Amino acid sequence: CYLTTTGRVSGRQHTIEIWFALEGRVLYMLAGGREKSDWVKNVLKNPAVQVRIAKRTFNGRARIVEGGTEEDILARKLVLDKYTPRDSDDLTGWSRTSLPVAVNLDV
């Protein structure tokens, strides 16, 4: 998907391509750089985001998933399971150490 955030300093729109998984109206992503990732810093400052999947664009609110919760486990599993068959690298460590971020989509 393509995630558009508002720059925490510039106020300009920034779009990245990122792996994701959906569970109902919640979209999950994993930030390998954790809180150091620019897009994570942006959503911490302004959680209003846009997500484009194929030709559809959704508005939503991003939030950090609380560690050690059922949702944390779910987010990691969904993203790992979705991309493991597509990537020859072992993604287990990445999924374990990344920061889960959820977007509650307005649909």
Protein backbone atom coordinates (compact mmCIF):
# COMPACT_ATOMS: atom_id res chain seq x y z
CA CYS A 1 0.00 0.00 0.00
CA TYR A 2 0.96 3.63 -0.12
CA LEU A 3 0.85 5.52 3.17
CA THR A 4 0.64 9.30 3.14
CA THR A 5 1.54 11.16 6.31
CA THR A 6 1.90 14.85 7.10
CA GLY A 7 5.47 15.91 7.78
CA ARG A 8 5.95 16.73 11.46
CA VAL A 9 8.25 19.66 10.62
CA SER A 10 7.40 20.66 7.05
CA GLY A 11 3.65 20.10 7.13
CA ARG A 12 3.94 18.63 3.62
CA GLN A 13 2.47 15.34 2.52
CA HIS A 14 4.90 12.39 2.39
CA THR A 15 4.04 9.09 0.72
CA ILE A 16 5.83 5.78 1.19
CA GLU A 17 5.23 2.31 -0.16
CA ILE A 18 4.99 -0.18 2.68
CA TRP A 19 4.00 -3.78 3.37
CA PHE A 20 0.67 -4.17 5.13
CA ALA A 21 -2.01 -6.60 6.19
CA LEU A 22 -5.71 -6.00 6.74
CA GLU A 23 -7.92 -7.31 9.50
CA GLY A 24 -11.41 -5.94 9.04
CA ARG A 25 -11.18 -2.13 9.03
CA VAL A 26 -7.71 -2.07 10.57
CA LEU A 27 -4.56 -1.96 8.48
CA TYR A 28 -1.32 -3.14 10.09
CA MET A 29 2.25 -2.23 9.14
CA LEU A 30 5.61 -2.94 10.75
CA ALA A 31 8.25 -0.23 11.10
CA GLY A 32 11.69 -1.85 10.97
CA GLY A 33 13.28 1.40 12.16
CA ARG A 34 10.75 1.56 14.98
CA GLU A 35 10.33 5.10 16.42
CA LYS A 36 13.31 6.34 14.39
CA SER A 37 11.38 5.91 11.12
CA ASP A 38 10.33 9.28 9.71
CA TRP A 39 6.84 8.04 8.89
CA VAL A 40 6.38 6.86 12.49
CA LYS A 41 7.56 10.24 13.80
CA ASN A 42 5.03 11.86 11.46
CA VAL A 43 2.07 9.78 12.67
CA LEU A 44 3.03 10.39 16.28
CA LYS A 45 2.75 14.13 15.60
CA ASN A 46 -0.34 13.89 13.36
CA PRO A 47 -2.17 10.54 13.23
CA ALA A 48 -4.44 11.53 10.32
CA VAL A 49 -3.22 9.54 7.29
CA GLN A 50 -4.29 8.37 3.87
CA VAL A 51 -3.79 4.85 2.60
CA ARG A 52 -3.97 3.85 -1.06
CA ILE A 53 -4.50 0.20 -1.90
CA ALA A 54 -4.72 -0.50 -5.63
CA LYS A 55 -6.97 2.29 -6.94
CA ARG A 56 -8.81 3.02 -3.68
CA THR A 57 -7.81 5.67 -1.16
CA PHE A 58 -8.92 5.62 2.46
CA ASN A 59 -8.58 8.13 5.27
CA GLY A 60 -7.66 6.82 8.68
CA ARG A 61 -5.99 7.41 12.03
CA ALA A 62 -2.67 5.77 12.75
CA ARG A 63 -1.60 4.58 16.17
CA ILE A 64 1.22 2.60 17.71
CA VAL A 65 0.10 -0.87 18.76
CA GLU A 66 0.76 -1.49 22.44
CA GLY A 67 3.51 -4.06 22.92
CA GLY A 68 2.75 -7.42 24.47
CA THR A 69 -0.98 -7.28 23.66
CA GLU A 70 -3.06 -9.67 21.59
CA GLU A 71 -3.20 -6.98 18.91
CA ASP A 72 0.61 -6.78 18.90
CA ILE A 73 0.85 -10.53 18.31
CA LEU A 74 -1.86 -10.38 15.63
CA ALA A 75 -0.24 -7.49 13.74
CA ARG A 76 3.14 -9.22 13.59
CA LYS A 77 1.63 -12.55 12.53
CA LEU A 78 -0.59 -11.06 9.81
CA VAL A 79 2.22 -9.12 8.15
CA LEU A 80 4.77 -11.93 8.50
CA ASP A 81 2.38 -14.56 7.14
CA LYS A 82 1.41 -12.37 4.20
CA TYR A 83 4.96 -11.67 3.03
CA THR A 84 6.94 -14.79 4.00
CA PRO A 85 5.84 -16.75 0.92
CA ARG A 86 6.80 -13.80 -1.34
CA ASP A 87 10.26 -13.07 0.00
CA SER A 88 13.26 -15.39 0.07
CA ASP A 89 14.73 -13.67 3.16
CA ASP A 90 13.93 -14.89 6.66
CA LEU A 91 11.57 -12.21 7.95
CA THR A 92 11.13 -13.70 11.42
CA GLY A 93 13.62 -11.39 13.15
CA TRP A 94 12.22 -8.35 11.35
CA SER A 95 8.68 -9.18 12.41
CA ARG A 96 9.77 -9.74 16.02
CA THR A 97 11.75 -6.49 16.41
CA SER A 98 9.69 -4.09 14.28
CA LEU A 99 7.20 -1.63 15.71
CA PRO A 100 3.59 -2.48 14.81
CA VAL A 101 1.51 0.47 13.65
CA ALA A 102 -2.23 0.24 13.04
CA VAL A 103 -4.45 2.48 10.93
CA ASN A 104 -8.13 2.49 11.74
CA LEU A 105 -9.64 3.08 8.30
CA ASP A 106 -12.67 5.32 7.75
CA VAL A 107 -14.73 3.06 5.50
